[in-house]
Amino acid sequence: MASNTDTLVTVFGGSGFLGRHVVRALAKRDYRIRVGVRRPELAGHLQPLGKVGQIHAVQANLRYPASVRTAMRDSHVAINLVGILSKSGAQTFDAVVAEGAATVAKAAAAMGARMVHVSAIGADARSASAYARAKAAGEKAVLAAVPSATILRPSVIFGAEDQFANRFAALARMSPVLPLIGGATRMQPVYVGDVATAIAEAVDGRTKAGAVYELGGPEVLTMREIWQIVLRVIGRERMLVPLPFIAARFQAMFLQFAPGALKLTPDQVTMLKTDNIVSEAATTAGLTLQGLGISPDSMEAVVPQYLWRFRKTGQFAPKGA
């Protein structure tokens, strides 16, 4: 019987936030891992996640199909994690999220490899959001090239290096008054480690061929409740001022050019108008984390482990502060 060491998995986008957790999860299961990234020389942080020689970074850019085909050589499984949250020059949603996914899927099909594609809850060809439309186009392209592919749609992902809870905490440290956009919008934040485990389960062959899984955490929270959790964890009292969507979109016209935590795009405002939670259909069909036998971790259980640095006295803050 073949062991996982006989299986080569190529992970596109494996050096990013979700990617490093996926690489670690696969390494623990003894897969051989090739990581396709634009800058292999900046992916050295992945090497300690596995055994000597187990993880190898190679150059691949989803905008250049030849590089993707080269990265896929002799691979048994392809995982596509590549995504962007905002446009930048040639890095558009269509080019990266939609066409990029199609490029990986075609390379996987040519190699006869299985495929796992990470999309997002909210992917919808009819959405007002360009990001959501591109995600839907990416899913369609993947299934067209590899009908047996597994599609995983996580809700907003949190974890130590996230751009979610860390961003909220950074804003709270800067201002005593915080704009609350879409305060009643519901989300189902999911821990990055749980998403990585789901991807590893798919690589193990424990997901249904051609199925779309929706991955959410154990709780459905409004944006206001999420803010309140973050503020409670970092021990800061801040005034949350509801900001109408029309005003938020106007602000985003300028903030889309801002750096770091201040950055906000009009498309992100549009996405905040829609709930980002696991559907009843996915729950009924067992196409969820729980359906894969994974018990998801909550925000309140995980975020104190990495948001302590935003407290006034950091790690020395008194317990409960």
C-alpha atoms as a PDB file:
ATOM      1  CA  MET A   1       0.000   0.000   0.000  1.00  0.00           C
ATOM      2  CA  ALA A   2       1.380   3.401  -1.035  1.00  0.00           C
ATOM      3  CA  SER A   3       2.186   5.871   1.724  1.00  0.00           C
ATOM      4  CA  ASN A   4       1.741   9.634   1.614  1.00  0.00           C
ATOM      5  CA  THR A   5       5.480  10.004   0.969  1.00  0.00           C
ATOM      6  CA  ASP A   6       4.764   8.669  -2.523  1.00  0.00           C
ATOM      7  CA  THR A   7       2.358  11.565  -3.178  1.00  0.00           C
ATOM      8  CA  LEU A   8       3.595  14.932  -4.430  1.00  0.00           C
ATOM      9  CA  VAL A   9       1.277  17.841  -3.644  1.00  0.00           C
ATOM     10  CA  THR A  10       1.845  21.193  -5.333  1.00  0.00           C
ATOM     11  CA  VAL A  11       0.490  24.138  -3.365  1.00  0.00           C
ATOM     12  CA  PHE A  12       0.035  27.413  -5.221  1.00  0.00           C
ATOM     13  CA  GLY A  13       0.084  30.367  -2.856  1.00  0.00           C
ATOM     14  CA  GLY A  14       1.628  28.259  -0.105  1.00  0.00           C
ATOM     15  CA  SER A  15       3.771  31.007   1.421  1.00  0.00           C
ATOM     16  CA  GLY A  16       0.877  33.195   2.565  1.00  0.00           C
ATOM     17  CA  PHE A  17      -1.271  33.320   5.688  1.00  0.00           C
ATOM     18  CA  LEU A  18      -3.394  30.253   4.929  1.00  0.00           C
ATOM     19  CA  GLY A  19      -0.650  28.631   2.871  1.00  0.00           C
ATOM     20  CA  ARG A  20       1.851  28.147   5.674  1.00  0.00           C
ATOM     21  CA  HIS A  21      -0.796  26.392   7.776  1.00  0.00           C
ATOM     22  CA  VAL A  22      -1.698  24.151   4.847  1.00  0.00           C
ATOM     23  CA  VAL A  23       1.957  23.270   4.239  1.00  0.00           C
ATOM     24  CA  ARG A  24       2.368  22.425   7.937  1.00  0.00           C
ATOM     25  CA  ALA A  25      -0.769  20.230   7.939  1.00  0.00           C
ATOM     26  CA  LEU A  26       0.397  18.342   4.832  1.00  0.00           C
ATOM     27  CA  ALA A  27       3.922  17.950   6.194  1.00  0.00           C
ATOM     28  CA  LYS A  28       2.559  16.341   9.367  1.00  0.00           C
ATOM     29  CA  ARG A  29       0.799  13.788   7.135  1.00  0.00           C
ATOM     30  CA  ASP A  30       4.112  12.996   5.382  1.00  0.00           C
ATOM     31  CA  TYR A  31       3.224  14.302   1.917  1.00  0.00           C
ATOM     32  CA  ARG A  32       5.979  15.582  -0.354  1.00  0.00           C
ATOM     33  CA  ILE A  33       5.219  19.256  -0.914  1.00  0.00           C
ATOM     34  CA  ARG A  34       6.125  21.590  -3.749  1.00  0.00           C
ATOM     35  CA  VAL A  35       5.166  25.220  -3.153  1.00  0.00           C
ATOM     36  CA  GLY A  36       4.543  27.378  -6.219  1.00  0.00           C
ATOM     37  CA  VAL A  37       5.208  31.053  -5.413  1.00  0.00           C
ATOM     38  CA  ARG A  38       6.235  34.165  -7.320  1.00  0.00           C
ATOM     39  CA  ARG A  39       9.338  34.698  -5.148  1.00  0.00           C
ATOM     40  CA  PRO A  40      10.805  31.359  -3.985  1.00  0.00           C
ATOM     41  CA  GLU A  41      13.706  33.158  -2.285  1.00  0.00           C
ATOM     42  CA  LEU A  42      11.177  34.665   0.146  1.00  0.00           C
ATOM     43  CA  ALA A  43       9.620  31.308   1.054  1.00  0.00           C
ATOM     44  CA  GLY A  44      12.421  30.040   3.286  1.00  0.00           C
ATOM     45  CA  HIS A  45      10.137  30.250   6.322  1.00  0.00           C
ATOM     46  CA  LEU A  46       8.343  27.138   5.052  1.00  0.00           C
ATOM     47  CA  GLN A  47      11.347  24.811   5.309  1.00  0.00           C
ATOM     48  CA  PRO A  48      11.186  24.278   9.122  1.00  0.00           C
ATOM     49  CA  LEU A  49       7.556  23.154   8.819  1.00  0.00           C
ATOM     50  CA  GLY A  50       8.611  19.742   7.546  1.00  0.00           C
ATOM     51  CA  LYS A  51      11.474  17.273   7.408  1.00  0.00           C
ATOM     52  CA  VAL A  52      14.681  17.900   5.508  1.00  0.00           C
ATOM     53  CA  GLY A  53      13.899  17.906   1.781  1.00  0.00           C
ATOM     54  CA  GLN A  54      10.150  17.456   2.291  1.00  0.00           C
ATOM     55  CA  ILE A  55       9.179  21.008   1.242  1.00  0.00           C
ATOM     56  CA  HIS A  56      10.519  22.654  -1.904  1.00  0.00           C
ATOM     57  CA  ALA A  57       9.611  26.127  -3.199  1.00  0.00           C
ATOM     58  CA  VAL A  58       9.599  26.794  -6.964  1.00  0.00           C
ATOM     59  CA  GLN A  59       8.812  29.830  -9.083  1.00  0.00           C
ATOM     60  CA  ALA A  60       5.254  30.021 -10.415  1.00  0.00           C
ATOM     61  CA  ASN A  61       3.045  32.936 -11.384  1.00  0.00           C
ATOM     62  CA  LEU A  62      -0.601  32.218 -12.196  1.00  0.00           C
ATOM     63  CA  ARG A  63      -0.513  34.906 -14.886  1.00  0.00           C
ATOM     64  CA  TYR A  64       2.066  32.810 -16.788  1.00  0.00           C
ATOM     65  CA  PRO A  65       0.649  29.330 -17.595  1.00  0.00           C
ATOM     66  CA  ALA A  66       4.027  27.880 -18.568  1.00  0.00           C
ATOM     67  CA  SER A  67       5.382  28.477 -15.051  1.00  0.00           C
ATOM     68  CA  VAL A  68       2.318  26.770 -13.564  1.00  0.00           C
ATOM     69  CA  ARG A  69       2.683  23.754 -15.829  1.00  0.00           C
ATOM     70  CA  THR A  70       6.345  23.458 -14.849  1.00  0.00           C
ATOM     71  CA  ALA A  71       5.472  23.646 -11.150  1.00  0.00           C
ATOM     72  CA  MET A  72       2.880  20.895 -11.630  1.00  0.00           C
ATOM     73  CA  ARG A  73       5.294  18.425 -13.232  1.00  0.00           C
ATOM     74  CA  ASP A  74       4.880  14.899 -11.772  1.00  0.00           C
ATOM     75  CA  SER A  75       2.369  16.171  -9.157  1.00  0.00           C
ATOM     76  CA  HIS A  76      -0.493  14.026  -7.924  1.00  0.00           C
ATOM     77  CA  VAL A  77      -2.550  16.790  -6.293  1.00  0.00           C
ATOM     78  CA  ALA A  78      -2.844  20.542  -6.925  1.00  0.00           C
ATOM     79  CA  ILE A  79      -4.030  22.990  -4.285  1.00  0.00           C
ATOM     80  CA  ASN A  80      -4.894  26.538  -5.283  1.00  0.00           C
ATOM     81  CA  LEU A  81      -4.854  29.076  -2.451  1.00  0.00           C
ATOM     82  CA  VAL A  82      -3.963  32.139  -4.489  1.00  0.00           C
ATOM     83  CA  GLY A  83      -6.204  35.130  -3.903  1.00  0.00           C
ATOM     84  CA  ILE A  84      -6.186  38.882  -3.390  1.00  0.00           C
ATOM     85  CA  LEU A  85      -8.445  41.118  -1.304  1.00  0.00           C
ATOM     86  CA  SER A  86      -7.959  44.241  -3.415  1.00  0.00           C
ATOM     87  CA  LYS A  87      -6.739  45.088  -6.909  1.00  0.00           C
ATOM     88  CA  SER A  88      -3.261  46.418  -7.608  1.00  0.00           C
ATOM     89  CA  GLY A  89      -2.054  47.132 -11.142  1.00  0.00           C
ATOM     90  CA  ALA A  90      -2.134  43.951 -13.213  1.00  0.00           C
ATOM     91  CA  GLN A  91      -3.181  41.983 -10.116  1.00  0.00           C
ATOM     92  CA  THR A  92      -6.922  42.211 -10.777  1.00  0.00           C
ATOM     93  CA  PHE A  93      -9.648  39.916  -9.456  1.00  0.00           C
ATOM     94  CA  ASP A  94     -10.267  38.507 -12.927  1.00  0.00           C
ATOM     95  CA  ALA A  95      -6.566  37.904 -13.621  1.00  0.00           C
ATOM     96  CA  VAL A  96      -5.691  36.309 -10.274  1.00  0.00           C
ATOM     97  CA  VAL A  97      -8.880  34.878  -8.776  1.00  0.00           C
ATOM     98  CA  ALA A  98     -10.695  33.744 -11.929  1.00  0.00           C
ATOM     99  CA  GLU A  99      -8.145  33.233 -14.711  1.00  0.00           C
ATOM    100  CA  GLY A 100      -5.465  32.131 -12.249  1.00  0.00           C
ATOM    101  CA  ALA A 101      -7.702  29.369 -10.915  1.00  0.00           C
ATOM    102  CA  ALA A 102      -8.420  28.265 -14.479  1.00  0.00           C
ATOM    103  CA  THR A 103      -4.682  28.103 -15.222  1.00  0.00           C
ATOM    104  CA  VAL A 104      -4.005  25.845 -12.222  1.00  0.00           C
ATOM    105  CA  ALA A 105      -6.972  23.613 -13.061  1.00  0.00           C
ATOM    106  CA  LYS A 106      -5.887  23.164 -16.671  1.00  0.00           C
ATOM    107  CA  ALA A 107      -2.360  22.257 -15.544  1.00  0.00           C
ATOM    108  CA  ALA A 108      -3.801  19.748 -13.048  1.00  0.00           C
ATOM    109  CA  ALA A 109      -6.019  18.233 -15.740  1.00  0.00           C
ATOM    110  CA  ALA A 110      -3.067  17.889 -18.121  1.00  0.00           C
ATOM    111  CA  MET A 111      -1.119  16.073 -15.394  1.00  0.00           C
ATOM    112  CA  GLY A 112      -4.091  13.879 -14.427  1.00  0.00           C
ATOM    113  CA  ALA A 113      -3.867  15.284 -10.899  1.00  0.00           C
ATOM    114  CA  ARG A 114      -6.613  15.754  -8.347  1.00  0.00           C
ATOM    115  CA  MET A 115      -7.405  19.323  -7.300  1.00  0.00           C
ATOM    116  CA  VAL A 116      -8.459  21.245  -4.210  1.00  0.00           C
ATOM    117  CA  HIS A 117      -9.514  24.840  -4.802  1.00  0.00           C
ATOM    118  CA  VAL A 118     -10.090  27.372  -2.033  1.00  0.00           C
ATOM    119  CA  SER A 119     -12.790  29.900  -2.875  1.00  0.00           C
ATOM    120  CA  ALA A 120     -14.940  31.874  -0.417  1.00  0.00           C
ATOM    121  CA  ILE A 121     -18.440  31.925   1.028  1.00  0.00           C
ATOM    122  CA  GLY A 122     -20.317  34.523  -0.979  1.00  0.00           C
ATOM    123  CA  ALA A 123     -18.945  33.447  -4.369  1.00  0.00           C
ATOM    124  CA  ASP A 124     -21.779  34.392  -6.720  1.00  0.00           C
ATOM    125  CA  ALA A 125     -21.793  35.218 -10.428  1.00  0.00           C
ATOM    126  CA  ARG A 126     -24.686  37.643  -9.805  1.00  0.00           C
ATOM    127  CA  SER A 127     -23.101  39.459  -6.866  1.00  0.00           C
ATOM    128  CA  ALA A 128     -22.645  43.238  -6.841  1.00  0.00           C
ATOM    129  CA  SER A 129     -19.101  42.564  -5.602  1.00  0.00           C
ATOM    130  CA  ALA A 130     -16.363  42.107  -8.214  1.00  0.00           C
ATOM    131  CA  TYR A 131     -14.478  39.878  -5.761  1.00  0.00           C
ATOM    132  CA  ALA A 132     -17.456  37.554  -5.291  1.00  0.00           C
ATOM    133  CA  ARG A 133     -18.080  37.361  -9.049  1.00  0.00           C
ATOM    134  CA  ALA A 134     -14.435  36.499  -9.696  1.00  0.00           C
ATOM    135  CA  LYS A 135     -14.546  33.781  -7.015  1.00  0.00           C
ATOM    136  CA  ALA A 136     -17.593  32.260  -8.727  1.00  0.00           C
ATOM    137  CA  ALA A 137     -15.852  32.415 -12.111  1.00  0.00           C
ATOM    138  CA  GLY A 138     -12.826  30.679 -10.602  1.00  0.00           C
ATOM    139  CA  GLU A 139     -14.971  27.850  -9.227  1.00  0.00           C
ATOM    140  CA  LYS A 140     -16.692  27.386 -12.574  1.00  0.00           C
ATOM    141  CA  ALA A 141     -13.364  27.226 -14.414  1.00  0.00           C
ATOM    142  CA  VAL A 142     -11.921  24.713 -11.958  1.00  0.00           C
ATOM    143  CA  LEU A 143     -14.877  22.345 -12.213  1.00  0.00           C
ATOM    144  CA  ALA A 144     -14.905  22.674 -16.005  1.00  0.00           C
ATOM    145  CA  ALA A 145     -11.277  21.487 -16.194  1.00  0.00           C
ATOM    146  CA  VAL A 146     -11.340  19.051 -13.242  1.00  0.00           C
ATOM    147  CA  PRO A 147     -14.957  17.946 -12.569  1.00  0.00           C
ATOM    148  CA  SER A 148     -13.852  15.877  -9.572  1.00  0.00           C
ATOM    149  CA  ALA A 149     -12.206  18.862  -7.857  1.00  0.00           C
ATOM    150  CA  THR A 150     -13.077  19.748  -4.272  1.00  0.00           C
ATOM    151  CA  ILE A 151     -14.136  23.371  -3.746  1.00  0.00           C
ATOM    152  CA  LEU A 152     -13.756  24.785  -0.233  1.00  0.00           C
ATOM    153  CA  ARG A 153     -15.499  28.050   0.648  1.00  0.00           C
ATOM    154  CA  PRO A 154     -14.349  29.428   4.011  1.00  0.00           C
ATOM    155  CA  SER A 155     -15.978  32.360   5.750  1.00  0.00           C
ATOM    156  CA  VAL A 156     -13.631  35.118   6.930  1.00  0.00           C
ATOM    157  CA  ILE A 157     -10.482  33.460   8.317  1.00  0.00           C
ATOM    158  CA  PHE A 158      -8.792  34.423  11.582  1.00  0.00           C
ATOM    159  CA  GLY A 159      -5.451  33.399  13.036  1.00  0.00           C
ATOM    160  CA  ALA A 160      -2.146  34.791  14.260  1.00  0.00           C
ATOM    161  CA  GLU A 161      -1.134  36.502  10.983  1.00  0.00           C
ATOM    162  CA  ASP A 162      -4.633  37.441   9.793  1.00  0.00           C
ATOM    163  CA  GLN A 163      -5.801  40.685   8.224  1.00  0.00           C
ATOM    164  CA  PHE A 164      -9.047  40.481  10.184  1.00  0.00           C
ATOM    165  CA  ALA A 165      -8.773  40.536  13.998  1.00  0.00           C
ATOM    166  CA  ASN A 166      -5.295  42.083  13.795  1.00  0.00           C
ATOM    167  CA  ARG A 167      -6.662  44.854  11.627  1.00  0.00           C
ATOM    168  CA  PHE A 168      -9.508  45.636  14.011  1.00  0.00           C
ATOM    169  CA  ALA A 169      -7.123  45.663  16.969  1.00  0.00           C
ATOM    170  CA  ALA A 170      -4.698  47.973  15.172  1.00  0.00           C
ATOM    171  CA  LEU A 171      -7.485  50.440  14.420  1.00  0.00           C
ATOM    172  CA  ALA A 172      -8.669  50.298  18.041  1.00  0.00           C
ATOM    173  CA  ARG A 173      -5.188  51.190  19.215  1.00  0.00           C
ATOM    174  CA  MET A 174      -5.164  54.273  16.998  1.00  0.00           C
ATOM    175  CA  SER A 175      -8.551  55.847  17.671  1.00  0.00           C
ATOM    176  CA  PRO A 176     -11.056  56.183  20.541  1.00  0.00           C
ATOM    177  CA  VAL A 177     -13.923  56.268  18.013  1.00  0.00           C
ATOM    178  CA  LEU A 178     -14.351  53.472  15.481  1.00  0.00           C
ATOM    179  CA  PRO A 179     -16.657  53.424  12.435  1.00  0.00           C
ATOM    180  CA  LEU A 180     -18.941  50.383  12.411  1.00  0.00           C
ATOM    181  CA  ILE A 181     -19.772  49.356   8.855  1.00  0.00           C
ATOM    182  CA  GLY A 182     -22.473  46.737   8.450  1.00  0.00           C
ATOM    183  CA  GLY A 183     -22.906  46.287  12.181  1.00  0.00           C
ATOM    184  CA  ALA A 184     -25.793  43.846  11.718  1.00  0.00           C
ATOM    185  CA  THR A 185     -24.116  41.855   8.941  1.00  0.00           C
ATOM    186  CA  ARG A 186     -23.527  38.275  10.093  1.00  0.00           C
ATOM    187  CA  MET A 187     -20.285  36.357   9.690  1.00  0.00           C
ATOM    188  CA  GLN A 188     -19.036  32.960  10.763  1.00  0.00           C
ATOM    189  CA  PRO A 189     -15.296  33.485  11.402  1.00  0.00           C
ATOM    190  CA  VAL A 190     -13.286  30.298  10.948  1.00  0.00           C
ATOM    191  CA  TYR A 191      -9.879  29.474  12.429  1.00  0.00           C
ATOM    192  CA  VAL A 192      -7.087  29.133   9.874  1.00  0.00           C
ATOM    193  CA  GLY A 193      -5.928  25.851  11.420  1.00  0.00           C
ATOM    194  CA  ASP A 194      -9.365  24.330  10.881  1.00  0.00           C
ATOM    195  CA  VAL A 195      -9.385  25.390   7.220  1.00  0.00           C
ATOM    196  CA  ALA A 196      -5.920  23.889   6.748  1.00  0.00           C
ATOM    197  CA  THR A 197      -7.109  20.627   8.309  1.00  0.00           C
ATOM    198  CA  ALA A 198     -10.081  20.551   5.920  1.00  0.00           C
ATOM    199  CA  ILE A 199      -7.724  21.000   2.965  1.00  0.00           C
ATOM    200  CA  ALA A 200      -5.522  18.165   4.229  1.00  0.00           C
ATOM    201  CA  GLU A 201      -8.609  15.966   4.562  1.00  0.00           C
ATOM    202  CA  ALA A 202      -9.461  16.746   0.936  1.00  0.00           C
ATOM    203  CA  VAL A 203      -5.941  15.770  -0.127  1.00  0.00           C
ATOM    204  CA  ASP A 204      -6.403  12.526   1.830  1.00  0.00           C
ATOM    205  CA  GLY A 205      -9.423  11.852  -0.399  1.00  0.00           C
ATOM    206  CA  ARG A 206     -12.044  12.232   2.315  1.00  0.00           C
ATOM    207  CA  THR A 207     -14.200  14.778   0.494  1.00  0.00           C
ATOM    208  CA  LYS A 208     -16.866  14.165  -2.120  1.00  0.00           C
ATOM    209  CA  ALA A 209     -15.727  14.547  -5.734  1.00  0.00           C
ATOM    210  CA  GLY A 210     -17.010  17.740  -7.355  1.00  0.00           C
ATOM    211  CA  ALA A 211     -18.597  18.959  -4.123  1.00  0.00           C
ATOM    212  CA  VAL A 212     -18.561  22.498  -2.711  1.00  0.00           C
ATOM    213  CA  TYR A 213     -17.894  22.660   1.033  1.00  0.00           C
ATOM    214  CA  GLU A 214     -18.683  25.724   3.159  1.00  0.00           C
ATOM    215  CA  LEU A 215     -16.392  26.238   6.136  1.00  0.00           C
ATOM    216  CA  GLY A 216     -17.507  28.332   9.089  1.00  0.00           C
ATOM    217  CA  GLY A 217     -16.640  28.557  12.755  1.00  0.00           C
ATOM    218  CA  PRO A 218     -18.874  27.425  15.631  1.00  0.00           C
ATOM    219  CA  GLU A 219     -20.597  30.806  16.012  1.00  0.00           C
ATOM    220  CA  VAL A 220     -22.515  33.211  13.802  1.00  0.00           C
ATOM    221  CA  LEU A 221     -21.578  36.731  14.889  1.00  0.00           C
ATOM    222  CA  THR A 222     -22.588  40.208  13.758  1.00  0.00           C
ATOM    223  CA  MET A 223     -19.859  42.699  12.880  1.00  0.00           C
ATOM    224  CA  ARG A 224     -20.670  44.559  16.093  1.00  0.00           C
ATOM    225  CA  GLU A 225     -20.210  41.386  18.137  1.00  0.00           C
ATOM    226  CA  ILE A 226     -16.874  40.702  16.431  1.00  0.00           C
ATOM    227  CA  TRP A 227     -15.662  44.202  17.259  1.00  0.00           C
ATOM    228  CA  GLN A 228     -16.763  43.727  20.849  1.00  0.00           C
ATOM    229  CA  ILE A 229     -14.803  40.467  21.160  1.00  0.00           C
ATOM    230  CA  VAL A 230     -11.653  42.141  19.855  1.00  0.00           C
ATOM    231  CA  LEU A 231     -12.052  45.142  22.165  1.00  0.00           C
ATOM    232  CA  ARG A 232     -12.644  42.888  25.152  1.00  0.00           C
ATOM    233  CA  VAL A 233      -9.546  40.816  24.385  1.00  0.00           C
ATOM    234  CA  ILE A 234      -7.245  43.836  24.005  1.00  0.00           C
ATOM    235  CA  GLY A 235      -8.750  45.588  27.024  1.00  0.00           C
ATOM    236  CA  ARG A 236      -9.723  48.825  25.289  1.00  0.00           C
ATOM    237  CA  GLU A 237     -13.001  50.738  25.517  1.00  0.00           C
ATOM    238  CA  ARG A 238     -13.942  52.348  22.242  1.00  0.00           C
ATOM    239  CA  MET A 239     -17.069  54.002  20.868  1.00  0.00           C
ATOM    240  CA  LEU A 240     -18.517  52.105  17.896  1.00  0.00           C
ATOM    241  CA  VAL A 241     -20.281  54.576  15.626  1.00  0.00           C
ATOM    242  CA  PRO A 242     -22.519  53.037  12.923  1.00  0.00           C
ATOM    243  CA  LEU A 243     -21.540  54.287   9.466  1.00  0.00           C
ATOM    244  CA  PRO A 244     -24.165  54.069   6.683  1.00  0.00           C
ATOM    245  CA  PHE A 245     -23.064  52.113   3.632  1.00  0.00           C
ATOM    246  CA  ILE A 246     -23.326  55.151   1.365  1.00  0.00           C
ATOM    247  CA  ALA A 247     -20.963  57.097   3.631  1.00  0.00           C
ATOM    248  CA  ALA A 248     -18.638  54.102   3.979  1.00  0.00           C
ATOM    249  CA  ARG A 249     -18.430  53.725   0.217  1.00  0.00           C
ATOM    250  CA  PHE A 250     -17.575  57.418  -0.154  1.00  0.00           C
ATOM    251  CA  GLN A 251     -14.779  57.058   2.421  1.00  0.00           C
ATOM    252  CA  ALA A 252     -13.526  53.926   0.697  1.00  0.00           C
ATOM    253  CA  MET A 253     -12.993  55.899  -2.525  1.00  0.00           C
ATOM    254  CA  PHE A 254     -10.065  57.520  -0.704  1.00  0.00           C
ATOM    255  CA  LEU A 255      -9.092  54.802   1.800  1.00  0.00           C
ATOM    256  CA  GLN A 256      -8.491  52.267  -0.984  1.00  0.00           C
ATOM    257  CA  PHE A 257      -5.138  54.014  -1.436  1.00  0.00           C
ATOM    258  CA  ALA A 258      -4.305  54.015   2.289  1.00  0.00           C
ATOM    259  CA  PRO A 259      -1.679  51.690   3.790  1.00  0.00           C
ATOM    260  CA  GLY A 260      -2.113  48.906   6.348  1.00  0.00           C
ATOM    261  CA  ALA A 261      -5.121  48.757   8.652  1.00  0.00           C
ATOM    262  CA  LEU A 262      -6.653  51.934   7.204  1.00  0.00           C
ATOM    263  CA  LYS A 263      -7.108  50.429   3.739  1.00  0.00           C
ATOM    264  CA  LEU A 264     -10.734  49.954   2.702  1.00  0.00           C
ATOM    265  CA  THR A 265     -12.017  49.498  -0.838  1.00  0.00           C
ATOM    266  CA  PRO A 266     -15.482  50.195  -2.274  1.00  0.00           C
ATOM    267  CA  ASP A 267     -15.773  46.510  -3.175  1.00  0.00           C
ATOM    268  CA  GLN A 268     -15.105  45.498   0.448  1.00  0.00           C
ATOM    269  CA  VAL A 269     -17.910  47.822   1.549  1.00  0.00           C
ATOM    270  CA  THR A 270     -20.196  46.129  -0.968  1.00  0.00           C
ATOM    271  CA  MET A 271     -19.313  42.703   0.463  1.00  0.00           C
ATOM    272  CA  LEU A 272     -20.169  43.897   3.973  1.00  0.00           C
ATOM    273  CA  LYS A 273     -23.789  44.296   2.887  1.00  0.00           C
ATOM    274  CA  THR A 274     -24.225  40.524   2.644  1.00  0.00           C
ATOM    275  CA  ASP A 275     -24.110  37.862   5.381  1.00  0.00           C
ATOM    276  CA  ASN A 276     -21.076  35.587   5.175  1.00  0.00           C
ATOM    277  CA  ILE A 277     -22.299  32.364   6.790  1.00  0.00           C
ATOM    278  CA  VAL A 278     -22.625  28.665   6.004  1.00  0.00           C
ATOM    279  CA  SER A 279     -25.852  27.911   4.136  1.00  0.00           C
ATOM    280  CA  GLU A 280     -28.539  25.554   5.396  1.00  0.00           C
ATOM    281  CA  ALA A 281     -28.102  23.486   2.244  1.00  0.00           C
ATOM    282  CA  ALA A 282     -24.418  22.855   2.996  1.00  0.00           C
ATOM    283  CA  THR A 283     -25.200  22.009   6.617  1.00  0.00           C
ATOM    284  CA  THR A 284     -27.952  19.564   5.654  1.00  0.00           C
ATOM    285  CA  ALA A 285     -25.708  17.866   3.092  1.00  0.00           C
ATOM    286  CA  GLY A 286     -22.833  17.578   5.567  1.00  0.00           C
ATOM    287  CA  LEU A 287     -20.589  19.739   3.368  1.00  0.00           C
ATOM    288  CA  THR A 288     -19.079  21.575   6.333  1.00  0.00           C
ATOM    289  CA  LEU A 289     -16.205  21.305   8.798  1.00  0.00           C
ATOM    290  CA  GLN A 290     -18.405  19.220  11.076  1.00  0.00           C
ATOM    291  CA  GLY A 291     -19.250  16.987   8.126  1.00  0.00           C
ATOM    292  CA  LEU A 292     -15.512  16.320   7.782  1.00  0.00           C
ATOM    293  CA  GLY A 293     -15.294  15.430  11.470  1.00  0.00           C
ATOM    294  CA  ILE A 294     -13.616  18.724  12.415  1.00  0.00           C
ATOM    295  CA  SER A 295     -14.755  20.543  15.554  1.00  0.00           C
ATOM    296  CA  PRO A 296     -14.040  24.229  14.814  1.00  0.00           C
ATOM    297  CA  ASP A 297     -12.415  26.617  17.299  1.00  0.00           C
ATOM    298  CA  SER A 298     -14.127  29.879  18.229  1.00  0.00           C
ATOM    299  CA  MET A 299     -12.704  33.399  17.992  1.00  0.00           C
ATOM    300  CA  GLU A 300     -12.794  33.891  21.756  1.00  0.00           C
ATOM    301  CA  ALA A 301     -10.767  30.708  22.270  1.00  0.00           C
ATOM    302  CA  VAL A 302      -8.028  31.658  19.803  1.00  0.00           C
ATOM    303  CA  VAL A 303      -7.612  35.432  19.410  1.00  0.00           C
ATOM    304  CA  PRO A 304      -6.283  36.069  22.965  1.00  0.00           C
ATOM    305  CA  GLN A 305      -3.253  33.976  21.959  1.00  0.00           C
ATOM    306  CA  TYR A 306      -2.113  36.609  19.455  1.00  0.00           C
ATOM    307  CA  LEU A 307      -3.947  39.874  20.159  1.00  0.00           C
ATOM    308  CA  TRP A 308      -2.245  40.399  23.539  1.00  0.00           C
ATOM    309  CA  ARG A 309       0.285  42.669  21.815  1.00  0.00           C
ATOM    310  CA  PHE A 310      -2.442  45.264  21.299  1.00  0.00           C
ATOM    311  CA  ARG A 311      -3.107  45.616  25.033  1.00  0.00           C
ATOM    312  CA  LYS A 312      -1.733  48.742  26.707  1.00  0.00           C
ATOM    313  CA  THR A 313       0.960  46.756  28.509  1.00  0.00           C
ATOM    314  CA  GLY A 314       1.086  43.847  26.067  1.00  0.00           C
ATOM    315  CA  GLN A 315       1.827  40.458  27.554  1.00  0.00           C
ATOM    316  CA  PHE A 316       2.169  42.050  30.999  1.00  0.00           C
ATOM    317  CA  ALA A 317      -1.467  43.203  31.095  1.00  0.00           C
ATOM    318  CA  PRO A 318      -3.323  41.740  34.084  1.00  0.00           C
ATOM    319  CA  LYS A 319      -5.490  38.709  33.369  1.00  0.00           C
ATOM    320  CA  GLY A 320      -8.900  39.721  32.091  1.00  0.00           C
ATOM    321  CA  ALA A 321      -7.708  43.205  31.105  1.00  0.00           C
END
